[in-house]
Amino acid sequence: MTNFAKELEKVTEYWTPRVVGEVNDHYVKVAKLKGEFVWHAHENEDELFFIVYGTLRIQLEDRDEVVLEQGDFFTVPKGVRHNPVAEEEVGVVLIETKSTLHTGDVVTDRTVPVERQVR
């Protein structure tokens, strides 16, 4: 059994996902977010955001942004450029295929390799 709130207590860095489970070829991750991330896309994979606490805005290129609150989830479709923004700390669960790169088609100083996410 896994408790998302307890797993989020172990996260010490913003924008650094931590793998807490697996389902078939997907990772279940928790992360704390604060501030603005980076515009990116995952060309071949959808990405699911589930909000444990806080409010997250997901800016979407060529679409209206989505605002998520505690208990909400949203799937960013593959290929859609997006940028998560958290004015205050947000606790999220991410569900992504194991092949999903953290910052998709962009590499920045915030990119976290999957090897560091699996602990």
PDB file of N, CA and C in Angstrom:
ATOM      1  N   MET A   1       0.847  -1.184   0.000  1.00  0.00           N
ATOM      2  CA  MET A   1       0.000   0.000   0.000  1.00  0.00           C
ATOM      3  C   MET A   1       0.893   1.248   0.000  1.00  0.00           C
ATOM      4  N   THR A   2       0.453   2.252  -0.705  1.00  0.00           N
ATOM      5  CA  THR A   2       1.187   3.513  -0.766  1.00  0.00           C
ATOM      6  C   THR A   2       0.235   4.651  -0.422  1.00  0.00           C
ATOM      7  N   ASN A   3       0.718   5.583   0.411  1.00  0.00           N
ATOM      8  CA  ASN A   3      -0.051   6.772   0.764  1.00  0.00           C
ATOM      9  C   ASN A   3       0.635   7.963   0.105  1.00  0.00           C
ATOM     10  N   PHE A   4      -0.084   8.625  -0.819  1.00  0.00           N
ATOM     11  CA  PHE A   4       0.533   9.724  -1.563  1.00  0.00           C
ATOM     12  C   PHE A   4       0.991  10.857  -0.664  1.00  0.00           C
ATOM     13  N   ALA A   5       0.203  11.228   0.343  1.00  0.00           N
ATOM     14  CA  ALA A   5       0.590  12.324   1.242  1.00  0.00           C
ATOM     15  C   ALA A   5       1.887  11.984   1.973  1.00  0.00           C
ATOM     16  N   LYS A   6       2.019  10.750   2.439  1.00  0.00           N
ATOM     17  CA  LYS A   6       3.247  10.348   3.147  1.00  0.00           C
ATOM     18  C   LYS A   6       4.443  10.313   2.204  1.00  0.00           C
ATOM     19  N   GLU A   7       4.218   9.870   0.981  1.00  0.00           N
ATOM     20  CA  GLU A   7       5.314   9.854   0.006  1.00  0.00           C
ATOM     21  C   GLU A   7       5.747  11.274  -0.346  1.00  0.00           C
ATOM     22  N   LEU A   8       4.791  12.202  -0.419  1.00  0.00           N
ATOM     23  CA  LEU A   8       5.142  13.599  -0.709  1.00  0.00           C
ATOM     24  C   LEU A   8       5.964  14.223   0.409  1.00  0.00           C
ATOM     25  N   GLU A   9       5.773  13.773   1.636  1.00  0.00           N
ATOM     26  CA  GLU A   9       6.575  14.285   2.754  1.00  0.00           C
ATOM     27  C   GLU A   9       8.060  13.987   2.553  1.00  0.00           C
ATOM     28  N   LYS A  10       8.384  12.947   1.811  1.00  0.00           N
ATOM     29  CA  LYS A  10       9.780  12.548   1.569  1.00  0.00           C
ATOM     30  C   LYS A  10      10.442  13.366   0.453  1.00  0.00           C
ATOM     31  N   VAL A  11       9.644  14.093  -0.323  1.00  0.00           N
ATOM     32  CA  VAL A  11      10.177  14.877  -1.449  1.00  0.00           C
ATOM     33  C   VAL A  11      10.759  16.176  -0.908  1.00  0.00           C
ATOM     34  N   THR A  12      12.014  16.447  -1.234  1.00  0.00           N
ATOM     35  CA  THR A  12      12.702  17.626  -0.695  1.00  0.00           C
ATOM     36  C   THR A  12      13.007  18.689  -1.741  1.00  0.00           C
ATOM     37  N   GLU A  13      12.888  18.354  -3.027  1.00  0.00           N
ATOM     38  CA  GLU A  13      13.209  19.306  -4.088  1.00  0.00           C
ATOM     39  C   GLU A  13      12.000  19.509  -4.994  1.00  0.00           C
ATOM     40  N   TYR A  14      11.729  20.755  -5.358  1.00  0.00           N
ATOM     41  CA  TYR A  14      10.661  21.043  -6.307  1.00  0.00           C
ATOM     42  C   TYR A  14      11.042  20.541  -7.691  1.00  0.00           C
ATOM     43  N   TRP A  15      10.029  20.148  -8.447  1.00  0.00           N
ATOM     44  CA  TRP A  15      10.157  19.715  -9.833  1.00  0.00           C
ATOM     45  C   TRP A  15      11.038  18.482  -9.998  1.00  0.00           C
ATOM     46  N   THR A  16      11.145  17.667  -8.943  1.00  0.00           N
ATOM     47  CA  THR A  16      11.963  16.458  -8.995  1.00  0.00           C
ATOM     48  C   THR A  16      11.079  15.248  -8.675  1.00  0.00           C
ATOM     49  N   PRO A  17      10.471  14.651  -9.692  1.00  0.00           N
ATOM     50  CA  PRO A  17       9.572  13.524  -9.451  1.00  0.00           C
ATOM     51  C   PRO A  17      10.280  12.352  -8.778  1.00  0.00           C
ATOM     52  N   ARG A  18       9.502  11.592  -8.019  1.00  0.00           N
ATOM     53  CA  ARG A  18      10.004  10.416  -7.307  1.00  0.00           C
ATOM     54  C   ARG A  18       9.065   9.263  -7.618  1.00  0.00           C
ATOM     55  N   VAL A  19       9.587   8.182  -8.180  1.00  0.00           N
ATOM     56  CA  VAL A  19       8.771   7.017  -8.522  1.00  0.00           C
ATOM     57  C   VAL A  19       8.362   6.305  -7.240  1.00  0.00           C
ATOM     58  N   VAL A  20       7.034   6.072  -7.104  1.00  0.00           N
ATOM     59  CA  VAL A  20       6.513   5.374  -5.918  1.00  0.00           C
ATOM     60  C   VAL A  20       5.775   4.093  -6.278  1.00  0.00           C
ATOM     61  N   GLY A  21       5.615   3.832  -7.580  1.00  0.00           N
ATOM     62  CA  GLY A  21       4.935   2.613  -7.999  1.00  0.00           C
ATOM     63  C   GLY A  21       5.013   2.412  -9.496  1.00  0.00           C
ATOM     64  N   GLU A  22       4.555   1.235  -9.923  1.00  0.00           N
ATOM     65  CA  GLU A  22       4.546   0.887 -11.333  1.00  0.00           C
ATOM     66  C   GLU A  22       3.226   0.189 -11.664  1.00  0.00           C
ATOM     67  N   VAL A  23       2.717   0.457 -12.855  1.00  0.00           N
ATOM     68  CA  VAL A  23       1.549  -0.239 -13.390  1.00  0.00           C
ATOM     69  C   VAL A  23       1.877  -0.557 -14.843  1.00  0.00           C
ATOM     70  N   ASN A  24       2.010  -1.824 -15.154  1.00  0.00           N
ATOM     71  CA  ASN A  24       2.388  -2.256 -16.500  1.00  0.00           C
ATOM     72  C   ASN A  24       3.618  -1.476 -16.964  1.00  0.00           C
ATOM     73  N   ASP A  25       3.532  -0.698 -18.024  1.00  0.00           N
ATOM     74  CA  ASP A  25       4.693   0.041 -18.524  1.00  0.00           C
ATOM     75  C   ASP A  25       4.658   1.507 -18.101  1.00  0.00           C
ATOM     76  N   HIS A  26       3.978   1.804 -16.975  1.00  0.00           N
ATOM     77  CA  HIS A  26       3.860   3.167 -16.469  1.00  0.00           C
ATOM     78  C   HIS A  26       4.474   3.304 -15.078  1.00  0.00           C
ATOM     79  N   TYR A  27       5.032   4.471 -14.815  1.00  0.00           N
ATOM     80  CA  TYR A  27       5.468   4.824 -13.468  1.00  0.00           C
ATOM     81  C   TYR A  27       4.392   5.679 -12.811  1.00  0.00           C
ATOM     82  N   VAL A  28       4.228   5.492 -11.527  1.00  0.00           N
ATOM     83  CA  VAL A  28       3.419   6.377 -10.697  1.00  0.00           C
ATOM     84  C   VAL A  28       4.435   7.182  -9.892  1.00  0.00           C
ATOM     85  N   LYS A  29       4.354   8.526 -10.016  1.00  0.00           N
ATOM     86  CA  LYS A  29       5.350   9.396  -9.386  1.00  0.00           C
ATOM     87  C   LYS A  29       4.658  10.427  -8.508  1.00  0.00           C
ATOM     88  N   VAL A  30       5.380  10.913  -7.497  1.00  0.00           N
ATOM     89  CA  VAL A  30       4.924  12.069  -6.727  1.00  0.00           C
ATOM     90  C   VAL A  30       5.952  13.173  -6.917  1.00  0.00           C
ATOM     91  N   ALA A  31       5.485  14.416  -6.811  1.00  0.00           N
ATOM     92  CA  ALA A  31       6.389  15.559  -6.934  1.00  0.00           C
ATOM     93  C   ALA A  31       5.776  16.762  -6.231  1.00  0.00           C
ATOM     94  N   LYS A  32       6.649  17.638  -5.781  1.00  0.00           N
ATOM     95  CA  LYS A  32       6.230  18.939  -5.274  1.00  0.00           C
ATOM     96  C   LYS A  32       6.614  19.971  -6.321  1.00  0.00           C
ATOM     97  N   LEU A  33       5.681  20.872  -6.604  1.00  0.00           N
ATOM     98  CA  LEU A  33       5.904  21.889  -7.634  1.00  0.00           C
ATOM     99  C   LEU A  33       5.736  23.263  -7.017  1.00  0.00           C
ATOM    100  N   LYS A  34       6.560  24.197  -7.442  1.00  0.00           N
ATOM    101  CA  LYS A  34       6.413  25.597  -7.032  1.00  0.00           C
ATOM    102  C   LYS A  34       7.130  26.459  -8.053  1.00  0.00           C
ATOM    103  N   GLY A  35       6.445  27.516  -8.509  1.00  0.00           N
ATOM    104  CA  GLY A  35       6.999  28.396  -9.516  1.00  0.00           C
ATOM    105  C   GLY A  35       6.585  27.939 -10.901  1.00  0.00           C
ATOM    106  N   GLU A  36       7.333  28.390 -11.894  1.00  0.00           N
ATOM    107  CA  GLU A  36       7.050  28.041 -13.284  1.00  0.00           C
ATOM    108  C   GLU A  36       8.069  27.019 -13.750  1.00  0.00           C
ATOM    109  N   PHE A  37       7.627  26.028 -14.495  1.00  0.00           N
ATOM    110  CA  PHE A  37       8.528  24.966 -14.947  1.00  0.00           C
ATOM    111  C   PHE A  37       9.183  25.357 -16.262  1.00  0.00           C
ATOM    112  N   VAL A  38       8.884  24.665 -17.337  1.00  0.00           N
ATOM    113  CA  VAL A  38       9.470  24.932 -18.644  1.00  0.00           C
ATOM    114  C   VAL A  38       8.487  24.437 -19.710  1.00  0.00           C
ATOM    115  N   TRP A  39       8.355  25.197 -20.787  1.00  0.00           N
ATOM    116  CA  TRP A  39       7.515  24.758 -21.898  1.00  0.00           C
ATOM    117  C   TRP A  39       8.153  23.531 -22.523  1.00  0.00           C
ATOM    118  N   HIS A  40       7.354  22.477 -22.709  1.00  0.00           N
ATOM    119  CA  HIS A  40       7.858  21.248 -23.308  1.00  0.00           C
ATOM    120  C   HIS A  40       6.688  20.396 -23.804  1.00  0.00           C
ATOM    121  N   ALA A  41       7.016  19.353 -24.532  1.00  0.00           N
ATOM    122  CA  ALA A  41       6.010  18.398 -25.008  1.00  0.00           C
ATOM    123  C   ALA A  41       6.600  16.994 -24.908  1.00  0.00           C
ATOM    124  N   HIS A  42       5.717  16.038 -24.785  1.00  0.00           N
ATOM    125  CA  HIS A  42       6.087  14.623 -24.833  1.00  0.00           C
ATOM    126  C   HIS A  42       5.476  14.096 -26.127  1.00  0.00           C
ATOM    127  N   GLU A  43       6.310  13.947 -27.126  1.00  0.00           N
ATOM    128  CA  GLU A  43       5.831  13.680 -28.478  1.00  0.00           C
ATOM    129  C   GLU A  43       5.002  12.398 -28.601  1.00  0.00           C
ATOM    130  N   ASN A  44       5.365  11.370 -27.839  1.00  0.00           N
ATOM    131  CA  ASN A  44       4.705  10.073 -28.008  1.00  0.00           C
ATOM    132  C   ASN A  44       3.950   9.585 -26.781  1.00  0.00           C
ATOM    133  N   GLU A  45       3.883  10.388 -25.725  1.00  0.00           N
ATOM    134  CA  GLU A  45       3.251   9.930 -24.495  1.00  0.00           C
ATOM    135  C   GLU A  45       2.298  10.971 -23.922  1.00  0.00           C
ATOM    136  N   ASP A  46       1.156  10.503 -23.399  1.00  0.00           N
ATOM    137  CA  ASP A  46       0.281  11.349 -22.600  1.00  0.00           C
ATOM    138  C   ASP A  46       0.905  11.478 -21.210  1.00  0.00           C
ATOM    139  N   GLU A  47       0.484  12.513 -20.450  1.00  0.00           N
ATOM    140  CA  GLU A  47       0.991  12.716 -19.087  1.00  0.00           C
ATOM    141  C   GLU A  47      -0.188  13.108 -18.200  1.00  0.00           C
ATOM    142  N   LEU A  48      -0.403  12.328 -17.126  1.00  0.00           N
ATOM    143  CA  LEU A  48      -1.517  12.593 -16.220  1.00  0.00           C
ATOM    144  C   LEU A  48      -1.022  13.291 -14.961  1.00  0.00           C
ATOM    145  N   PHE A  49      -1.680  14.406 -14.606  1.00  0.00           N
ATOM    146  CA  PHE A  49      -1.428  15.155 -13.376  1.00  0.00           C
ATOM    147  C   PHE A  49      -2.632  14.966 -12.451  1.00  0.00           C
ATOM    148  N   PHE A  50      -2.420  14.484 -11.226  1.00  0.00           N
ATOM    149  CA  PHE A  50      -3.467  14.383 -10.204  1.00  0.00           C
ATOM    150  C   PHE A  50      -3.020  15.247  -9.026  1.00  0.00           C
ATOM    151  N   ILE A  51      -3.886  16.156  -8.582  1.00  0.00           N
ATOM    152  CA  ILE A  51      -3.511  17.109  -7.535  1.00  0.00           C
ATOM    153  C   ILE A  51      -3.872  16.552  -6.157  1.00  0.00           C
ATOM    154  N   VAL A  52      -2.858  16.350  -5.319  1.00  0.00           N
ATOM    155  CA  VAL A  52      -3.051  15.889  -3.946  1.00  0.00           C
ATOM    156  C   VAL A  52      -3.390  17.081  -3.059  1.00  0.00           C
ATOM    157  N   TYR A  53      -2.660  18.194  -3.247  1.00  0.00           N
ATOM    158  CA  TYR A  53      -2.973  19.441  -2.543  1.00  0.00           C
ATOM    159  C   TYR A  53      -2.471  20.614  -3.361  1.00  0.00           C
ATOM    160  N   GLY A  54      -3.089  21.773  -3.154  1.00  0.00           N
ATOM    161  CA  GLY A  54      -2.679  22.988  -3.846  1.00  0.00           C
ATOM    162  C   GLY A  54      -3.450  23.214  -5.138  1.00  0.00           C
ATOM    163  N   THR A  55      -2.985  24.226  -5.889  1.00  0.00           N
ATOM    164  CA  THR A  55      -3.599  24.605  -7.158  1.00  0.00           C
ATOM    165  C   THR A  55      -2.515  24.678  -8.225  1.00  0.00           C
ATOM    166  N   LEU A  56      -2.749  24.037  -9.346  1.00  0.00           N
ATOM    167  CA  LEU A  56      -1.787  24.015 -10.444  1.00  0.00           C
ATOM    168  C   LEU A  56      -2.451  24.534 -11.709  1.00  0.00           C
ATOM    169  N   ARG A  57      -1.759  25.464 -12.359  1.00  0.00           N
ATOM    170  CA  ARG A  57      -2.179  25.909 -13.696  1.00  0.00           C
ATOM    171  C   ARG A  57      -1.296  25.201 -14.711  1.00  0.00           C
ATOM    172  N   ILE A  58      -1.917  24.679 -15.744  1.00  0.00           N
ATOM    173  CA  ILE A  58      -1.143  24.096 -16.835  1.00  0.00           C
ATOM    174  C   ILE A  58      -1.435  24.932 -18.073  1.00  0.00           C
ATOM    175  N   GLN A  59      -0.423  25.690 -18.484  1.00  0.00           N
ATOM    176  CA  GLN A  59      -0.544  26.467 -19.707  1.00  0.00           C
ATOM    177  C   GLN A  59      -0.397  25.510 -20.883  1.00  0.00           C
ATOM    178  N   LEU A  60      -1.249  25.688 -21.877  1.00  0.00           N
ATOM    179  CA  LEU A  60      -1.236  24.826 -23.050  1.00  0.00           C
ATOM    180  C   LEU A  60      -1.089  25.685 -24.295  1.00  0.00           C
ATOM    181  N   GLU A  61      -0.181  25.294 -25.168  1.00  0.00           N
ATOM    182  CA  GLU A  61       0.017  26.040 -26.397  1.00  0.00           C
ATOM    183  C   GLU A  61      -1.206  25.868 -27.298  1.00  0.00           C
ATOM    184  N   ASP A  62      -1.713  26.956 -27.815  1.00  0.00           N
ATOM    185  CA  ASP A  62      -2.855  26.958 -28.728  1.00  0.00           C
ATOM    186  C   ASP A  62      -4.164  26.487 -28.095  1.00  0.00           C
ATOM    187  N   ARG A  63      -4.260  26.503 -26.758  1.00  0.00           N
ATOM    188  CA  ARG A  63      -5.481  26.116 -26.054  1.00  0.00           C
ATOM    189  C   ARG A  63      -5.589  26.951 -24.784  1.00  0.00           C
ATOM    190  N   ASP A  64      -6.770  26.960 -24.184  1.00  0.00           N
ATOM    191  CA  ASP A  64      -6.939  27.616 -22.889  1.00  0.00           C
ATOM    192  C   ASP A  64      -6.184  26.835 -21.821  1.00  0.00           C
ATOM    193  N   GLU A  65      -5.625  27.555 -20.849  1.00  0.00           N
ATOM    194  CA  GLU A  65      -4.942  26.872 -19.759  1.00  0.00           C
ATOM    195  C   GLU A  65      -5.964  26.125 -18.902  1.00  0.00           C
ATOM    196  N   VAL A  66      -5.471  25.156 -18.146  1.00  0.00           N
ATOM    197  CA  VAL A  66      -6.297  24.352 -17.262  1.00  0.00           C
ATOM    198  C   VAL A  66      -5.874  24.667 -15.834  1.00  0.00           C
ATOM    199  N   VAL A  67      -6.850  24.872 -14.941  1.00  0.00           N
ATOM    200  CA  VAL A  67      -6.562  25.106 -13.529  1.00  0.00           C
ATOM    201  C   VAL A  67      -7.070  23.896 -12.745  1.00  0.00           C
ATOM    202  N   LEU A  68      -6.161  23.265 -12.012  1.00  0.00           N
ATOM    203  CA  LEU A  68      -6.473  22.055 -11.253  1.00  0.00           C
ATOM    204  C   LEU A  68      -6.370  22.323  -9.765  1.00  0.00           C
ATOM    205  N   GLU A  69      -7.327  21.807  -9.002  1.00  0.00           N
ATOM    206  CA  GLU A  69      -7.334  21.945  -7.545  1.00  0.00           C
ATOM    207  C   GLU A  69      -7.299  20.547  -6.928  1.00  0.00           C
ATOM    208  N   GLN A  70      -7.188  20.491  -5.610  1.00  0.00           N
ATOM    209  CA  GLN A  70      -7.115  19.224  -4.888  1.00  0.00           C
ATOM    210  C   GLN A  70      -8.190  18.254  -5.379  1.00  0.00           C
ATOM    211  N   GLY A  71      -7.756  17.044  -5.707  1.00  0.00           N
ATOM    212  CA  GLY A  71      -8.669  16.005  -6.167  1.00  0.00           C
ATOM    213  C   GLY A  71      -8.885  15.966  -7.668  1.00  0.00           C
ATOM    214  N   ASP A  72      -8.466  17.016  -8.401  1.00  0.00           N
ATOM    215  CA  ASP A  72      -8.626  17.063  -9.852  1.00  0.00           C
ATOM    216  C   ASP A  72      -7.490  16.311 -10.544  1.00  0.00           C
ATOM    217  N   PHE A  73      -7.786  15.806 -11.738  1.00  0.00           N
ATOM    218  CA  PHE A  73      -6.712  15.311 -12.591  1.00  0.00           C
ATOM    219  C   PHE A  73      -6.955  15.758 -14.020  1.00  0.00           C
ATOM    220  N   PHE A  74      -5.864  15.818 -14.773  1.00  0.00           N
ATOM    221  CA  PHE A  74      -5.916  16.236 -16.169  1.00  0.00           C
ATOM    222  C   PHE A  74      -4.838  15.484 -16.923  1.00  0.00           C
ATOM    223  N   THR A  75      -5.177  15.041 -18.117  1.00  0.00           N
ATOM    224  CA  THR A  75      -4.204  14.370 -18.966  1.00  0.00           C
ATOM    225  C   THR A  75      -3.797  15.309 -20.089  1.00  0.00           C
ATOM    226  N   VAL A  76      -2.512  15.604 -20.154  1.00  0.00           N
ATOM    227  CA  VAL A  76      -1.973  16.386 -21.271  1.00  0.00           C
ATOM    228  C   VAL A  76      -1.750  15.396 -22.414  1.00  0.00           C
ATOM    229  N   PRO A  77      -2.441  15.597 -23.542  1.00  0.00           N
ATOM    230  CA  PRO A  77      -2.284  14.666 -24.659  1.00  0.00           C
ATOM    231  C   PRO A  77      -0.870  14.707 -25.251  1.00  0.00           C
ATOM    232  N   LYS A  78      -0.453  13.576 -25.764  1.00  0.00           N
ATOM    233  CA  LYS A  78       0.879  13.516 -26.389  1.00  0.00           C
ATOM    234  C   LYS A  78       1.009  14.592 -27.452  1.00  0.00           C
ATOM    235  N   GLY A  79       2.214  15.155 -27.519  1.00  0.00           N
ATOM    236  CA  GLY A  79       2.512  16.162 -28.533  1.00  0.00           C
ATOM    237  C   GLY A  79       2.082  17.577 -28.198  1.00  0.00           C
ATOM    238  N   VAL A  80       1.346  17.781 -27.105  1.00  0.00           N
ATOM    239  CA  VAL A  80       0.863  19.121 -26.751  1.00  0.00           C
ATOM    240  C   VAL A  80       1.902  19.829 -25.879  1.00  0.00           C
ATOM    241  N   ARG A  81       2.375  20.986 -26.344  1.00  0.00           N
ATOM    242  CA  ARG A  81       3.319  21.781 -25.550  1.00  0.00           C
ATOM    243  C   ARG A  81       2.577  22.344 -24.353  1.00  0.00           C
ATOM    244  N   HIS A  82       3.206  22.212 -23.180  1.00  0.00           N
ATOM    245  CA  HIS A  82       2.568  22.654 -21.949  1.00  0.00           C
ATOM    246  C   HIS A  82       3.618  23.155 -20.970  1.00  0.00           C
ATOM    247  N   ASN A  83       3.146  23.922 -19.986  1.00  0.00           N
ATOM    248  CA  ASN A  83       4.026  24.502 -18.975  1.00  0.00           C
ATOM    249  C   ASN A  83       3.266  24.554 -17.651  1.00  0.00           C
ATOM    250  N   PRO A  84       3.605  23.699 -16.686  1.00  0.00           N
ATOM    251  CA  PRO A  84       2.965  23.758 -15.379  1.00  0.00           C
ATOM    252  C   PRO A  84       3.453  24.969 -14.587  1.00  0.00           C
ATOM    253  N   VAL A  85       2.519  25.616 -13.879  1.00  0.00           N
ATOM    254  CA  VAL A  85       2.844  26.789 -13.062  1.00  0.00           C
ATOM    255  C   VAL A  85       2.134  26.639 -11.712  1.00  0.00           C
ATOM    256  N   ALA A  86       2.896  26.773 -10.630  1.00  0.00           N
ATOM    257  CA  ALA A  86       2.339  26.675  -9.281  1.00  0.00           C
ATOM    258  C   ALA A  86       2.730  27.928  -8.497  1.00  0.00           C
ATOM    259  N   GLU A  87       1.748  28.776  -8.202  1.00  0.00           N
ATOM    260  CA  GLU A  87       2.023  29.997  -7.427  1.00  0.00           C
ATOM    261  C   GLU A  87       2.491  29.656  -6.017  1.00  0.00           C
ATOM    262  N   GLU A  88       1.865  28.648  -5.411  1.00  0.00           N
ATOM    263  CA  GLU A  88       2.241  28.123  -4.092  1.00  0.00           C
ATOM    264  C   GLU A  88       2.571  26.645  -4.266  1.00  0.00           C
ATOM    265  N   GLU A  89       3.139  26.031  -3.236  1.00  0.00           N
ATOM    266  CA  GLU A  89       3.505  24.621  -3.333  1.00  0.00           C
ATOM    267  C   GLU A  89       2.292  23.752  -3.674  1.00  0.00           C
ATOM    268  N   VAL A  90       2.518  22.813  -4.579  1.00  0.00           N
ATOM    269  CA  VAL A  90       1.499  21.860  -5.010  1.00  0.00           C
ATOM    270  C   VAL A  90       2.088  20.460  -4.894  1.00  0.00           C
ATOM    271  N   GLY A  91       1.297  19.529  -4.378  1.00  0.00           N
ATOM    272  CA  GLY A  91       1.678  18.121  -4.349  1.00  0.00           C
ATOM    273  C   GLY A  91       0.930  17.396  -5.448  1.00  0.00           C
ATOM    274  N   VAL A  92       1.649  16.707  -6.323  1.00  0.00           N
ATOM    275  CA  VAL A  92       1.008  16.034  -7.451  1.00  0.00           C
ATOM    276  C   VAL A  92       1.419  14.568  -7.530  1.00  0.00           C
ATOM    277  N   VAL A  93       0.545  13.814  -8.173  1.00  0.00           N
ATOM    278  CA  VAL A  93       0.856  12.462  -8.613  1.00  0.00           C
ATOM    279  C   VAL A  93       0.899  12.530 -10.130  1.00  0.00           C
ATOM    280  N   LEU A  94       1.927  11.956 -10.710  1.00  0.00           N
ATOM    281  CA  LEU A  94       2.076  11.887 -12.160  1.00  0.00           C
ATOM    282  C   LEU A  94       2.018  10.428 -12.583  1.00  0.00           C
ATOM    283  N   ILE A  95       1.307  10.162 -13.661  1.00  0.00           N
ATOM    284  CA  ILE A  95       1.306   8.822 -14.233  1.00  0.00           C
ATOM    285  C   ILE A  95       1.786   8.964 -15.670  1.00  0.00           C
ATOM    286  N   GLU A  96       2.915   8.292 -15.941  1.00  0.00           N
ATOM    287  CA  GLU A  96       3.581   8.435 -17.241  1.00  0.00           C
ATOM    288  C   GLU A  96       4.155   7.091 -17.657  1.00  0.00           C
ATOM    289  N   THR A  97       4.286   6.879 -18.955  1.00  0.00           N
ATOM    290  CA  THR A  97       4.978   5.675 -19.404  1.00  0.00           C
ATOM    291  C   THR A  97       6.436   5.749 -18.940  1.00  0.00           C
ATOM    292  N   LYS A  98       7.047   4.603 -18.809  1.00  0.00           N
ATOM    293  CA  LYS A  98       8.441   4.554 -18.352  1.00  0.00           C
ATOM    294  C   LYS A  98       9.386   5.239 -19.322  1.00  0.00           C
ATOM    295  N   SER A  99       8.958   5.425 -20.561  1.00  0.00           N
ATOM    296  CA  SER A  99       9.807   6.074 -21.568  1.00  0.00           C
ATOM    297  C   SER A  99       9.677   7.595 -21.567  1.00  0.00           C
ATOM    298  N   THR A 100       8.754   8.157 -20.764  1.00  0.00           N
ATOM    299  CA  THR A 100       8.522   9.601 -20.774  1.00  0.00           C
ATOM    300  C   THR A 100       9.717  10.338 -20.175  1.00  0.00           C
ATOM    301  N   LEU A 101      10.261  11.267 -20.935  1.00  0.00           N
ATOM    302  CA  LEU A 101      11.373  12.083 -20.451  1.00  0.00           C
ATOM    303  C   LEU A 101      10.819  13.245 -19.624  1.00  0.00           C
ATOM    304  N   HIS A 102      11.478  13.582 -18.538  1.00  0.00           N
ATOM    305  CA  HIS A 102      11.012  14.585 -17.580  1.00  0.00           C
ATOM    306  C   HIS A 102      10.608  15.893 -18.242  1.00  0.00           C
ATOM    307  N   THR A 103      11.465  16.431 -19.070  1.00  0.00           N
ATOM    308  CA  THR A 103      11.161  17.690 -19.746  1.00  0.00           C
ATOM    309  C   THR A 103      10.937  17.479 -21.241  1.00  0.00           C
ATOM    310  N   GLY A 104      10.517  16.278 -21.595  1.00  0.00           N
ATOM    311  CA  GLY A 104      10.126  15.985 -22.971  1.00  0.00           C
ATOM    312  C   GLY A 104      11.180  16.315 -23.993  1.00  0.00           C
ATOM    313  N   ASP A 105      10.806  17.195 -24.914  1.00  0.00           N
ATOM    314  CA  ASP A 105      11.667  17.543 -26.044  1.00  0.00           C
ATOM    315  C   ASP A 105      12.675  18.635 -25.735  1.00  0.00           C
ATOM    316  N   VAL A 106      12.781  19.023 -24.447  1.00  0.00           N
ATOM    317  CA  VAL A 106      13.677  20.102 -24.030  1.00  0.00           C
ATOM    318  C   VAL A 106      14.594  19.570 -22.925  1.00  0.00           C
ATOM    319  N   VAL A 107      15.860  19.947 -22.962  1.00  0.00           N
ATOM    320  CA  VAL A 107      16.776  19.598 -21.885  1.00  0.00           C
ATOM    321  C   VAL A 107      17.253  20.895 -21.254  1.00  0.00           C
ATOM    322  N   THR A 108      17.031  21.019 -19.925  1.00  0.00           N
ATOM    323  CA  THR A 108      17.450  22.210 -19.193  1.00  0.00           C
ATOM    324  C   THR A 108      18.155  21.771 -17.915  1.00  0.00           C
ATOM    325  N   ASP A 109      18.563  22.736 -17.112  1.00  0.00           N
ATOM    326  CA  ASP A 109      19.175  22.410 -15.834  1.00  0.00           C
ATOM    327  C   ASP A 109      18.158  21.792 -14.858  1.00  0.00           C
ATOM    328  N   ARG A 110      16.877  21.843 -15.194  1.00  0.00           N
ATOM    329  CA  ARG A 110      15.830  21.236 -14.363  1.00  0.00           C
ATOM    330  C   ARG A 110      15.508  19.803 -14.774  1.00  0.00           C
ATOM    331  N   THR A 111      16.062  19.331 -15.875  1.00  0.00           N
ATOM    332  CA  THR A 111      15.795  17.979 -16.345  1.00  0.00           C
ATOM    333  C   THR A 111      16.346  16.966 -15.343  1.00  0.00           C
ATOM    334  N   VAL A 112      15.485  16.039 -14.921  1.00  0.00           N
ATOM    335  CA  VAL A 112      15.881  14.993 -13.976  1.00  0.00           C
ATOM    336  C   VAL A 112      15.803  13.652 -14.695  1.00  0.00           C
ATOM    337  N   PRO A 113      16.940  12.969 -14.856  1.00  0.00           N
ATOM    338  CA  PRO A 113      16.920  11.671 -15.536  1.00  0.00           C
ATOM    339  C   PRO A 113      16.105  10.654 -14.732  1.00  0.00           C
ATOM    340  N   VAL A 114      15.500   9.692 -15.423  1.00  0.00           N
ATOM    341  CA  VAL A 114      14.647   8.714 -14.750  1.00  0.00           C
ATOM    342  C   VAL A 114      15.408   7.923 -13.694  1.00  0.00           C
ATOM    343  N   GLU A 115      16.689   7.705 -13.891  1.00  0.00           N
ATOM    344  CA  GLU A 115      17.493   6.966 -12.915  1.00  0.00           C
ATOM    345  C   GLU A 115      17.468   7.661 -11.548  1.00  0.00           C
ATOM    346  N   ARG A 116      17.410   8.982 -11.543  1.00  0.00           N
ATOM    347  CA  ARG A 116      17.368   9.736 -10.293  1.00  0.00           C
ATOM    348  C   ARG A 116      15.961   9.746  -9.701  1.00  0.00           C
ATOM    349  N   GLN A 117      14.941   9.551 -10.525  1.00  0.00           N
ATOM    350  CA  GLN A 117      13.557   9.521 -10.060  1.00  0.00           C
ATOM    351  C   GLN A 117      13.212   8.203  -9.385  1.00  0.00           C
ATOM    352  N   VAL A 118      13.882   7.124  -9.803  1.00  0.00           N
ATOM    353  CA  VAL A 118      13.634   5.789  -9.243  1.00  0.00           C
ATOM    354  C   VAL A 118      14.549   5.615  -8.035  1.00  0.00           C
ATOM    355  N   ARG A 119      13.952   5.576  -6.859  1.00  0.00           N
ATOM    356  CA  ARG A 119      14.776   5.440  -5.642  1.00  0.00           C
ATOM    357  C   ARG A 119      14.283   4.309  -4.786  1.00  0.00           C
TER     358      ARG A 119
END
